[in-house]
Amino acid sequence: MTVEDVMTTDLITVAPTASVRVAAEMMMEAAVKAVIVTAVEPGIITSTDLIEVVAKGLSPTSTSVEAVMTPRVETVTPAIPVTEAAAMMETFGISHLPVCSDDIVGMISATDVTASMG
């Protein structure tokens, strides 16, 4: 089974200049734990980043996505085996991997990996 077989293709994206609150609202509305940040080099903002904002006492309305996102994210291609994507997640301690062909075409999460094995 390949990443393409289990990845999500309905991507939620947010601008780096958007507030963390906007990103959190998008995640809640779409019931996802990560969104792609559209920048020259795309990044990712996750629910873990949102927790960090709260824990540090930062304002979600005045803190930009760019200030807390992960830039230069690890990526995978649609054709690699799901097991390889899972190994990457384990190695890097992450739960989401953008899937790239020429552009970002999807996202695979630890939940997608788990669902593919059952």
Protein backbone atom coordinates (compact mmCIF):
# COMPACT_ATOMS: atom_id res chain seq x y z
CA MET A 1 0.00 0.00 0.00
CA THR A 2 1.35 3.43 -0.95
CA VAL A 3 0.96 6.87 0.61
CA GLU A 4 -1.32 7.83 -2.29
CA ASP A 5 -3.77 5.10 -1.23
CA VAL A 6 -4.32 6.58 2.24
CA MET A 7 -3.41 10.28 2.09
CA THR A 8 -5.91 13.10 2.47
CA THR A 9 -6.21 15.22 -0.65
CA ASP A 10 -8.62 17.87 0.68
CA LEU A 11 -5.91 20.16 1.98
CA ILE A 12 -6.60 22.97 4.39
CA THR A 13 -4.16 25.85 3.94
CA VAL A 14 -3.46 29.04 5.84
CA ALA A 15 -1.35 32.11 5.06
CA PRO A 16 1.75 32.66 7.20
CA THR A 17 0.45 36.13 8.10
CA ALA A 18 -2.85 34.77 9.47
CA SER A 19 -3.31 34.70 13.21
CA VAL A 20 -2.96 31.50 15.18
CA ARG A 21 -6.64 31.90 16.09
CA VAL A 22 -7.61 31.77 12.41
CA ALA A 23 -5.56 28.58 11.97
CA ALA A 24 -7.18 27.05 15.08
CA GLU A 25 -10.66 27.91 13.80
CA MET A 26 -9.83 26.30 10.43
CA MET A 27 -8.58 23.13 12.14
CA MET A 28 -11.66 22.93 14.34
CA GLU A 29 -14.05 23.49 11.43
CA ALA A 30 -12.32 20.86 9.26
CA ALA A 31 -11.72 18.45 12.20
CA VAL A 32 -8.00 18.19 11.43
CA LYS A 33 -4.88 18.50 13.56
CA ALA A 34 -2.61 20.17 11.00
CA VAL A 35 -2.79 22.62 8.13
CA ILE A 36 -0.33 23.55 5.40
CA VAL A 37 1.12 27.03 5.58
CA THR A 38 1.30 28.57 2.13
CA ALA A 39 4.66 30.29 1.89
CA VAL A 40 7.55 30.34 -0.57
CA GLU A 41 8.73 27.23 1.29
CA PRO A 42 5.54 25.65 2.61
CA GLY A 43 5.36 24.83 6.29
CA ILE A 44 2.93 23.24 8.67
CA ILE A 45 1.11 24.30 11.81
CA THR A 46 -0.24 21.59 14.09
CA SER A 47 -2.39 21.29 17.19
CA THR A 48 0.86 20.91 19.14
CA ASP A 49 1.91 24.38 17.96
CA LEU A 50 -1.42 25.76 19.17
CA ILE A 51 -0.89 24.22 22.61
CA GLU A 52 2.55 25.84 22.72
CA VAL A 53 1.01 29.28 22.03
CA VAL A 54 -1.38 28.85 24.95
CA ALA A 55 1.26 27.38 27.27
CA LYS A 56 3.61 30.31 26.61
CA GLY A 57 0.84 32.82 27.30
CA LEU A 58 0.95 34.23 23.77
CA SER A 59 -2.12 35.84 22.26
CA PRO A 60 -3.72 33.64 19.58
CA THR A 61 -5.17 36.72 17.90
CA SER A 62 -1.91 38.68 17.68
CA THR A 63 0.53 35.78 17.15
CA SER A 64 1.04 34.97 13.48
CA VAL A 65 1.09 31.46 12.09
CA GLU A 66 4.59 32.18 10.78
CA ALA A 67 5.84 32.77 14.33
CA VAL A 68 4.98 29.22 15.48
CA MET A 69 4.80 27.06 12.35
CA THR A 70 7.35 24.44 11.39
CA PRO A 71 9.13 25.63 8.24
CA ARG A 72 10.96 23.34 5.84
CA VAL A 73 8.93 20.28 6.69
CA GLU A 74 9.82 16.71 5.86
CA THR A 75 7.78 15.46 2.89
CA VAL A 76 7.04 12.20 1.10
CA THR A 77 6.00 11.30 -2.43
CA PRO A 78 2.71 9.60 -3.23
CA ALA A 79 4.45 6.44 -4.47
CA ILE A 80 6.37 5.45 -1.33
CA PRO A 81 5.06 2.65 0.87
CA VAL A 82 2.94 3.66 3.87
CA THR A 83 5.39 1.77 6.07
CA GLU A 84 8.20 4.07 4.93
CA ALA A 85 6.11 7.15 5.77
CA ALA A 86 5.38 5.63 9.19
CA ALA A 87 9.08 5.05 9.77
CA MET A 88 9.80 8.69 8.89
CA MET A 89 7.16 9.87 11.35
CA GLU A 90 8.75 7.74 14.05
CA THR A 91 12.29 8.90 13.20
CA PHE A 92 11.41 12.61 13.18
CA GLY A 93 8.84 12.47 16.00
CA ILE A 94 6.06 13.91 13.86
CA SER A 95 2.45 12.98 13.12
CA HIS A 96 1.92 14.58 9.71
CA LEU A 97 3.80 14.53 6.42
CA PRO A 98 2.88 16.67 3.43
CA VAL A 99 2.78 14.62 0.23
CA CYS A 100 4.54 16.26 -2.71
CA SER A 101 4.69 15.57 -6.38
CA ASP A 102 5.61 18.89 -7.98
CA ASP A 103 3.42 20.71 -5.46
CA ILE A 104 1.80 19.54 -2.26
CA VAL A 105 -0.90 17.10 -3.32
CA GLY A 106 -1.96 15.72 0.04
CA MET A 107 -1.14 14.97 3.64
CA ILE A 108 -0.63 11.69 5.46
CA SER A 109 -1.09 11.51 9.21
CA ALA A 110 -0.33 8.92 11.86
CA THR A 111 -4.09 8.33 11.98
CA ASP A 112 -4.08 7.53 8.22
CA VAL A 113 -1.21 5.08 8.77
CA THR A 114 -3.00 3.36 11.64
CA ALA A 115 -6.25 3.12 9.67
CA SER A 116 -4.43 1.56 6.71
CA MET A 117 -3.16 -1.28 8.89
CA GLY A 118 -6.49 -2.32 10.31
